Amino acid sequence: MIDSAIATYWYITIPSVFLLYIIISYINEQYLMRKFKAKPFTNYISGGFFGFQEGIAALKHKKAGTAIERYRDLYEELPNPDVPTYKSFVFGTPLVFTKDPENIKAILATQFNDFSLGIRHAHFDPLLGDGIFTLDHQGWKDSRAMLRPQFARDQIAHVKALEPHFQFLLRHIEKNNGQFFDIQELFFRFTVDSATEFLFGSSVSSLQDESIGCDTTELDFVGRKEFPEAFNKSQLILSTRALLQKMYWIYNPKEFKKCNAIVHQFSDYYINKVLSCTPEEIEKQSGYVFLYELVKQTRNPKVLRDQALNILVAGRDTTAGLLSFVLFELARNPDIYKKLRDEILDKFGTSNLEEITFESLKKCEYLKAVLNEALRMYPSVPRNYRVSTRNTTLPRGGGSDGTSPIFIPKGRSVIYNIAATHMDPRYYGKDVEEFRPERWFEELTKKLGWAYLPFNGGPRICLGQQFALTEASYVVARLAQTISKLELKDGYTYPPKKMTHLTMCMFDGVYVKMEKDATAAAAKSG
């Protein structure tokens, strides 16, 4: 009898307390809305029971390679699709979603101090530790001050170091002898080779393998061969942890721990190598090496590893993804490839490498337009988020017409969807679905402001923006010098499926057939 009474008490008390909490929270939020002169959200999507239905749907679309289109379509399904901001729930967490450039500008720039990375550090810490992409506040400021000199113009401008890696890439292309092959897989190997050389002073040389007649005996060390796959798997798991929001802790599989250990072992090989050098040996280091410059500021092995891995994510993945999307579209559009190739041959011929410099690449206007268009349709980081550090507002998204401010309580996550903004006809015209580099010579794209944001914006704008663009420009220019014809394998849907983790790439690779220019000289690096 007593047990029954206790059970009844708790059956009544728990729901009552929960209901009271909801009522008090609602009243408090209404009060704060009036205080901040904000209006109710114009758009709201329930997301099912506490957003679990929406969360599960998001995971399914991520697994199917259609997550980017899914979130873009949601904006079209809003009660008022002309207002590109809405409130919803995902896995029990209330979220705000926006693709409005004015709101994005507020989050990243004009109200920068009102927002932080929230629990991103907890999401990413097992792999990336305390680096520039995971830290907030003073930790981020210290990281940025430490890393900014590493991306000075002199380092970015040094394109000659890319040519030896390109030659190995070319040998892989040639070995396929006119057959279809996955160029994306090679781009990821190319960028990890160039990035490790820039970061560590010694390339992982993943492109050098037995299939092109290379002896890798002297290259091998523990973790070298396993690193690329482990790094990819870790990032995929990290992206799922981020999608789970505050429930990230439930997803911590053994495979994640194993992959992180491989990545850390790989980077520690280089960290220990540089820490074993005397200050005199470091000063005598020829050429620029990120780690050898960074060690002049700190000899803390964890700081060195965390910062190097943070930069490696950006230096490898974003550029490889960009190159993959560019080749996918160039292979789909032979007329665009011809126009691009004509520009490159006109400026550099088929074998002139000396003229390909940081400055000369920046003067290739159609090449820049091709890269801009690829970054518009396939931004390297398609979605990002911030968490409010105080009660605040965003400028638009409230009221009957969506032009009034919306209230953002302290601790609320705001997802800003760059991929959806970049595909909005209001900013890019009705042909947003079409890959058309020519739009970058038109008036419409000269006044985009915060509607074009492939490298983030505000104080946290990407430090490596020019580094990535220079590397991508060099590779595309060299391919245009060398390859006369591109052909894409049949079977791709359009828009293509996309793999989304910390960055974005093609879900099914980029299978192309390449025909080498018979007149192109086999330019070899010195």
Foldseek 3Di string as FASTA:
>chain_A
DVVVVVVVVCVPPVVVVVVVVVVVVVVVVVVVCVVQVFFAFQWEDACPDQVDVVLVVLVVCLVVLNNLVVVLVVLVVTPDSVFFKYWYGHLNAIAIEGQDLQLLCCCFAVVVVQWAQFCLCVLCCLAQNQACVNDDDPSNVVRCVLCLVLLPPVLLFPCLLLFQLLLLLVLVQVLCPQFWDFSLVSLLQSLQQSLCCQAQVHGLPPSADPSSPHDCPVSDDQLSVVQPVLVVVLLQLSQSLVSSPPVSVVRDDPSNNVSSVSNLVVLVVSLVVLLVDDLVVLVVDPDHHNLSSSVVVPNPSVHSSSHSVVVSCVRRQLLSQLLQLLQQVCQVPVVLLVVLLVLLCVQANLARPVSQTLVVLVVSLSLVLSSQLSCLQFQFQQKGKIFGQAWDWRQFRRDNVTRHIHIHHHGHMYMHGLNSLSQDCVQQNPVSLDSDSCSCVDPSNVPCVSSRQSQRDHPPGHSCPSSSVSNSSVSSSNCSSWFDHKHWDPDADPVGRWNDGSTIHGPVGTIMGTDTDPPRDSHHRD
